[in-house]
Amino acid sequence: MQTKRTRAASPAPSSTASTPAPDDARPPAKCGRVTTLEDMRLAFMERFNPDKFSAEEILQAQMANWRSPVYNHFITPPTITEVDGEVRYKFVCAKPTQTVEK
């Protein structure tokens, strides 16, 4: 017969300790890392300001940094589309069976 091991109980929280608000509970971002969708949007706007650059110029700048071999699977360059005022790229598979919009 095996003996069951038990874990010592954790100390009870102090009554003076406050529970952090949900925003405070998130660990701090690593240097240069984007943590929320809004942060991502702001970082994109700072780097690729659509008031200064055309959609084609932004696409070319982004493509220059694409290093993943997955992009080789698609026809280059992707088609630029606009949905509800938002620019998106339409990736067409090199084998014309599937289309992915990002």
C-alpha atoms as a PDB file:
ATOM      1  CA  MET A   1       0.000   0.000   0.000  1.00  0.00           C
ATOM      2  CA  GLN A   2       1.346   3.415  -0.953  1.00  0.00           C
ATOM      3  CA  THR A   3       1.333   6.351   1.397  1.00  0.00           C
ATOM      4  CA  LYS A   4      -0.331   9.467   0.099  1.00  0.00           C
ATOM      5  CA  ARG A   5       1.844  12.565   0.312  1.00  0.00           C
ATOM      6  CA  THR A   6       0.214  15.806   1.271  1.00  0.00           C
ATOM      7  CA  ARG A   7       1.409  19.297   0.673  1.00  0.00           C
ATOM      8  CA  ALA A   8       1.737  21.844   3.456  1.00  0.00           C
ATOM      9  CA  ALA A   9      -0.965  24.482   3.337  1.00  0.00           C
ATOM     10  CA  SER A  10       0.010  27.880   1.978  1.00  0.00           C
ATOM     11  CA  PRO A  11      -0.048  30.696   4.492  1.00  0.00           C
ATOM     12  CA  ALA A  12      -3.271  32.664   4.529  1.00  0.00           C
ATOM     13  CA  PRO A  13      -3.098  35.994   2.729  1.00  0.00           C
ATOM     14  CA  SER A  14      -2.621  39.045   4.882  1.00  0.00           C
ATOM     15  CA  SER A  15      -5.771  41.002   5.541  1.00  0.00           C
ATOM     16  CA  THR A  16      -3.884  44.208   4.633  1.00  0.00           C
ATOM     17  CA  ALA A  17      -2.842  42.920   1.199  1.00  0.00           C
ATOM     18  CA  SER A  18      -4.914  44.359  -1.612  1.00  0.00           C
ATOM     19  CA  THR A  19      -5.994  42.444  -4.663  1.00  0.00           C
ATOM     20  CA  PRO A  20      -4.486  44.035  -7.778  1.00  0.00           C
ATOM     21  CA  ALA A  21      -6.767  45.385 -10.463  1.00  0.00           C
ATOM     22  CA  PRO A  22      -6.820  43.319 -13.678  1.00  0.00           C
ATOM     23  CA  ASP A  23      -4.517  45.806 -15.472  1.00  0.00           C
ATOM     24  CA  ASP A  24      -2.052  45.689 -12.597  1.00  0.00           C
ATOM     25  CA  ALA A  25      -2.071  41.892 -12.601  1.00  0.00           C
ATOM     26  CA  ARG A  26      -0.451  41.705 -16.046  1.00  0.00           C
ATOM     27  CA  PRO A  27       3.327  41.256 -15.813  1.00  0.00           C
ATOM     28  CA  PRO A  28       5.333  44.181 -17.162  1.00  0.00           C
ATOM     29  CA  ALA A  29       6.117  44.030 -20.877  1.00  0.00           C
ATOM     30  CA  LYS A  30       9.570  42.967 -21.916  1.00  0.00           C
ATOM     31  CA  CYS A  31      11.604  45.740 -23.442  1.00  0.00           C
ATOM     32  CA  GLY A  32      10.279  46.509 -26.907  1.00  0.00           C
ATOM     33  CA  ARG A  33       7.496  43.929 -26.734  1.00  0.00           C
ATOM     34  CA  VAL A  34       3.920  44.738 -27.658  1.00  0.00           C
ATOM     35  CA  THR A  35       1.372  43.420 -25.166  1.00  0.00           C
ATOM     36  CA  THR A  36      -2.124  44.347 -26.335  1.00  0.00           C
ATOM     37  CA  LEU A  37      -3.957  44.754 -29.631  1.00  0.00           C
ATOM     38  CA  GLU A  38      -4.036  48.492 -29.051  1.00  0.00           C
ATOM     39  CA  ASP A  39      -0.264  48.482 -28.436  1.00  0.00           C
ATOM     40  CA  MET A  40       0.170  46.545 -31.676  1.00  0.00           C
ATOM     41  CA  ARG A  41      -1.969  49.036 -33.581  1.00  0.00           C
ATOM     42  CA  LEU A  42      -0.052  52.006 -32.164  1.00  0.00           C
ATOM     43  CA  ALA A  43       3.321  50.388 -32.919  1.00  0.00           C
ATOM     44  CA  PHE A  44       2.194  49.715 -36.488  1.00  0.00           C
ATOM     45  CA  MET A  45       0.940  53.295 -36.929  1.00  0.00           C
ATOM     46  CA  GLU A  46       4.220  54.669 -35.586  1.00  0.00           C
ATOM     47  CA  ARG A  47       6.295  52.565 -37.967  1.00  0.00           C
ATOM     48  CA  PHE A  48       4.034  52.541 -41.036  1.00  0.00           C
ATOM     49  CA  ASN A  49       2.039  55.768 -40.857  1.00  0.00           C
ATOM     50  CA  PRO A  50      -0.622  55.570 -43.616  1.00  0.00           C
ATOM     51  CA  ASP A  51      -0.652  59.381 -43.786  1.00  0.00           C
ATOM     52  CA  LYS A  52       2.980  59.299 -44.951  1.00  0.00           C
ATOM     53  CA  PHE A  53       3.101  56.044 -46.934  1.00  0.00           C
ATOM     54  CA  SER A  54       0.830  54.389 -49.488  1.00  0.00           C
ATOM     55  CA  ALA A  55      -0.532  50.887 -48.887  1.00  0.00           C
ATOM     56  CA  GLU A  56       1.894  49.607 -51.555  1.00  0.00           C
ATOM     57  CA  GLU A  57       4.899  51.240 -49.818  1.00  0.00           C
ATOM     58  CA  ILE A  58       3.850  49.776 -46.475  1.00  0.00           C
ATOM     59  CA  LEU A  59       3.470  46.326 -48.044  1.00  0.00           C
ATOM     60  CA  GLN A  60       6.944  46.537 -49.623  1.00  0.00           C
ATOM     61  CA  ALA A  61       8.485  47.625 -46.295  1.00  0.00           C
ATOM     62  CA  GLN A  62       6.776  44.766 -44.465  1.00  0.00           C
ATOM     63  CA  MET A  63       7.729  42.199 -47.110  1.00  0.00           C
ATOM     64  CA  ALA A  64      11.392  43.221 -46.747  1.00  0.00           C
ATOM     65  CA  ASN A  65      11.241  41.872 -43.174  1.00  0.00           C
ATOM     66  CA  TRP A  66       9.347  38.639 -43.850  1.00  0.00           C
ATOM     67  CA  ARG A  67      11.839  35.870 -43.091  1.00  0.00           C
ATOM     68  CA  SER A  68       9.561  32.884 -42.597  1.00  0.00           C
ATOM     69  CA  PRO A  69       9.643  30.268 -45.362  1.00  0.00           C
ATOM     70  CA  VAL A  70       5.838  30.030 -45.108  1.00  0.00           C
ATOM     71  CA  TYR A  71       5.550  33.094 -47.357  1.00  0.00           C
ATOM     72  CA  ASN A  72       7.143  31.063 -50.179  1.00  0.00           C
ATOM     73  CA  HIS A  73       3.908  29.079 -50.258  1.00  0.00           C
ATOM     74  CA  PHE A  74       1.989  32.136 -51.534  1.00  0.00           C
ATOM     75  CA  ILE A  75       2.043  34.178 -54.713  1.00  0.00           C
ATOM     76  CA  THR A  76       4.054  37.359 -54.161  1.00  0.00           C
ATOM     77  CA  PRO A  77       3.094  40.120 -53.585  1.00  0.00           C
ATOM     78  CA  PRO A  78      -0.207  39.555 -51.808  1.00  0.00           C
ATOM     79  CA  THR A  79      -3.194  41.522 -53.044  1.00  0.00           C
ATOM     80  CA  ILE A  80      -4.067  44.611 -50.999  1.00  0.00           C
ATOM     81  CA  THR A  81      -7.754  44.726 -50.023  1.00  0.00           C
ATOM     82  CA  GLU A  82      -9.759  47.034 -47.791  1.00  0.00           C
ATOM     83  CA  VAL A  83     -12.450  45.785 -45.406  1.00  0.00           C
ATOM     84  CA  ASP A  84     -14.416  48.311 -43.353  1.00  0.00           C
ATOM     85  CA  GLY A  85     -11.643  50.895 -43.776  1.00  0.00           C
ATOM     86  CA  GLU A  86      -8.927  48.443 -42.726  1.00  0.00           C
ATOM     87  CA  VAL A  87      -6.172  47.448 -45.171  1.00  0.00           C
ATOM     88  CA  ARG A  88      -5.594  43.711 -45.390  1.00  0.00           C
ATOM     89  CA  TYR A  89      -3.430  41.431 -47.486  1.00  0.00           C
ATOM     90  CA  LYS A  90      -4.975  38.623 -49.466  1.00  0.00           C
ATOM     91  CA  PHE A  91      -2.558  35.695 -49.668  1.00  0.00           C
ATOM     92  CA  VAL A  92      -3.213  33.369 -52.579  1.00  0.00           C
ATOM     93  CA  CYS A  93      -1.730  29.900 -52.411  1.00  0.00           C
ATOM     94  CA  ALA A  94       0.834  29.140 -55.132  1.00  0.00           C
ATOM     95  CA  LYS A  95      -1.306  26.080 -55.863  1.00  0.00           C
ATOM     96  CA  PRO A  96      -4.626  27.820 -56.590  1.00  0.00           C
ATOM     97  CA  THR A  97      -6.791  25.823 -54.200  1.00  0.00           C
ATOM     98  CA  GLN A  98      -7.001  28.067 -51.114  1.00  0.00           C
ATOM     99  CA  THR A  99      -6.976  31.783 -50.275  1.00  0.00           C
ATOM    100  CA  VAL A 100      -6.103  33.239 -46.854  1.00  0.00           C
ATOM    101  CA  GLU A 101      -6.868  36.835 -45.847  1.00  0.00           C
ATOM    102  CA  LYS A 102      -4.826  38.408 -43.051  1.00  0.00           C
END
